[in-house]
Amino acid sequence: EEEDLIENSRVMGAYLLDRLRELSDHPNVGDVRGRGLFAGVELVEDKASKTPVSEDVMMAVVKKAAEEGVLVGKTTRSVPGLNNTVNMAPPLIVTKADVDELVDAVQAGIEHGCRDL
């Protein structure tokens, strides 16, 4: 209550989704979705077919984001062939600057990982 984390989560969650939607123009971003501070960016070989990117591409994206100082996840292998969403869930105390750093790192990861597609 003291830090108004629920309100911060609402405001920063909306900001996170707005910033991630800026990535929608990238040819390998199939979808951006989220609720609150839990968000995902689906990566595809091309927007028309929505064919998921490979595991190697996903690993390159996650690795590059980590090199940029941000830890993100990816969907698990529970559904074969559909391991193509970069997941993020920043803490409730996240700031606008933190969200900017997160999205910039995800963008760098996508540009790096998808450069040969």
Protein backbone atom coordinates (compact mmCIF):
# COMPACT_ATOMS: atom_id res chain seq x y z
CA GLU A 1 0.00 0.00 0.00
CA GLU A 2 2.70 2.43 1.02
CA GLU A 3 4.43 2.26 -2.36
CA ASP A 4 1.16 1.99 -4.33
CA LEU A 5 2.45 -1.08 -6.17
CA ILE A 6 -0.92 -1.94 -7.69
CA GLU A 7 -1.21 1.46 -9.33
CA ASN A 8 2.43 1.32 -10.43
CA SER A 9 1.79 -2.10 -11.94
CA ARG A 10 -1.19 -0.76 -13.88
CA VAL A 11 0.62 2.32 -15.16
CA MET A 12 3.92 0.61 -15.95
CA GLY A 13 2.12 -2.38 -17.49
CA ALA A 14 0.36 -0.07 -19.93
CA TYR A 15 3.64 1.69 -20.66
CA LEU A 16 5.40 -1.65 -21.20
CA LEU A 17 2.80 -2.76 -23.74
CA ASP A 18 2.92 0.60 -25.52
CA ARG A 19 6.69 0.37 -25.81
CA LEU A 20 6.59 -3.27 -26.95
CA ARG A 21 3.97 -2.43 -29.59
CA GLU A 22 6.60 -0.16 -31.15
CA LEU A 23 8.38 -3.39 -32.11
CA SER A 24 5.35 -4.58 -34.11
CA ASP A 25 6.75 -3.09 -37.32
CA HIS A 26 9.71 -5.47 -37.21
CA PRO A 27 9.23 -8.12 -39.92
CA ASN A 28 9.75 -10.95 -37.43
CA VAL A 29 7.39 -9.76 -34.69
CA GLY A 30 4.15 -11.69 -35.12
CA ASP A 31 2.33 -10.42 -32.05
CA VAL A 32 2.76 -8.41 -28.87
CA ARG A 33 0.53 -9.31 -25.96
CA GLY A 34 0.34 -8.93 -22.24
CA ARG A 35 -1.60 -8.05 -19.16
CA GLY A 36 -0.26 -5.92 -16.37
CA LEU A 37 3.46 -6.46 -16.09
CA PHE A 38 3.48 -9.85 -17.80
CA ALA A 39 4.14 -9.50 -21.52
CA GLY A 40 5.33 -11.45 -24.52
CA VAL A 41 6.62 -10.82 -28.02
CA GLU A 42 5.92 -13.61 -30.51
CA LEU A 43 8.66 -14.08 -33.11
CA VAL A 44 7.92 -15.49 -36.56
CA GLU A 45 9.87 -16.18 -39.73
CA ASP A 46 7.43 -13.95 -41.60
CA LYS A 47 4.19 -12.22 -40.73
CA ALA A 48 2.16 -13.81 -43.53
CA SER A 49 2.70 -17.44 -42.58
CA LYS A 50 3.33 -16.81 -38.86
CA THR A 51 5.78 -19.72 -38.95
CA PRO A 52 7.51 -19.75 -35.55
CA VAL A 53 11.22 -18.93 -35.48
CA SER A 54 13.61 -21.74 -34.58
CA GLU A 55 14.97 -22.59 -31.15
CA ASP A 56 18.37 -21.28 -32.29
CA VAL A 57 16.87 -17.88 -33.10
CA MET A 58 15.11 -17.75 -29.73
CA MET A 59 18.32 -18.62 -27.91
CA ALA A 60 20.18 -15.87 -29.80
CA VAL A 61 17.49 -13.33 -28.87
CA VAL A 62 17.55 -14.25 -25.17
CA LYS A 63 21.36 -14.32 -25.10
CA LYS A 64 21.69 -10.89 -26.71
CA ALA A 65 19.14 -9.40 -24.29
CA ALA A 66 21.22 -10.83 -21.42
CA GLU A 67 24.35 -9.27 -22.92
CA GLU A 68 22.44 -5.98 -22.87
CA GLY A 69 21.90 -6.47 -19.13
CA VAL A 70 18.31 -7.74 -19.15
CA LEU A 71 17.09 -11.25 -18.37
CA VAL A 72 14.05 -12.38 -20.35
CA GLY A 73 12.53 -15.80 -20.82
CA LYS A 74 11.05 -17.74 -23.68
CA THR A 75 8.14 -20.10 -23.88
CA THR A 76 8.90 -23.65 -22.91
CA ARG A 77 9.00 -26.70 -25.12
CA SER A 78 5.63 -27.92 -23.84
CA VAL A 79 4.14 -27.49 -27.32
CA PRO A 80 6.64 -28.62 -29.98
CA GLY A 81 7.32 -25.97 -32.60
CA LEU A 82 5.71 -23.17 -30.60
CA ASN A 83 8.66 -22.06 -28.49
CA ASN A 84 8.71 -18.62 -30.07
CA THR A 85 7.58 -16.03 -27.53
CA VAL A 86 9.96 -13.83 -25.56
CA ASN A 87 8.46 -13.45 -22.08
CA MET A 88 9.06 -10.71 -19.57
CA ALA A 89 7.67 -9.98 -16.12
CA PRO A 90 9.38 -7.01 -14.47
CA PRO A 91 8.89 -6.46 -10.73
CA LEU A 92 6.03 -4.41 -9.30
CA ILE A 93 8.48 -1.63 -8.41
CA VAL A 94 9.61 -1.20 -12.03
CA THR A 95 10.20 2.35 -13.24
CA LYS A 96 9.75 3.94 -16.65
CA ALA A 97 13.54 3.90 -17.10
CA ASP A 98 13.57 0.16 -16.28
CA VAL A 99 10.88 -0.50 -18.90
CA ASP A 100 12.83 1.49 -21.47
CA GLU A 101 15.97 -0.53 -20.71
CA LEU A 102 13.99 -3.78 -20.94
CA VAL A 103 12.39 -2.96 -24.29
CA ASP A 104 15.65 -1.65 -25.75
CA ALA A 105 17.36 -4.92 -24.78
CA VAL A 106 14.54 -7.02 -26.26
CA GLN A 107 14.74 -4.98 -29.46
CA ALA A 108 18.50 -5.52 -29.65
CA GLY A 109 17.93 -9.23 -29.09
CA ILE A 110 15.33 -9.43 -31.85
CA GLU A 111 17.49 -7.51 -34.31
CA HIS A 112 20.46 -9.73 -33.52
CA GLY A 113 18.64 -13.06 -33.41
CA CYS A 114 16.54 -12.46 -36.53
CA ARG A 115 19.21 -10.78 -38.65
CA ASP A 116 19.60 -13.75 -41.02
CA LEU A 117 15.89 -14.49 -41.55
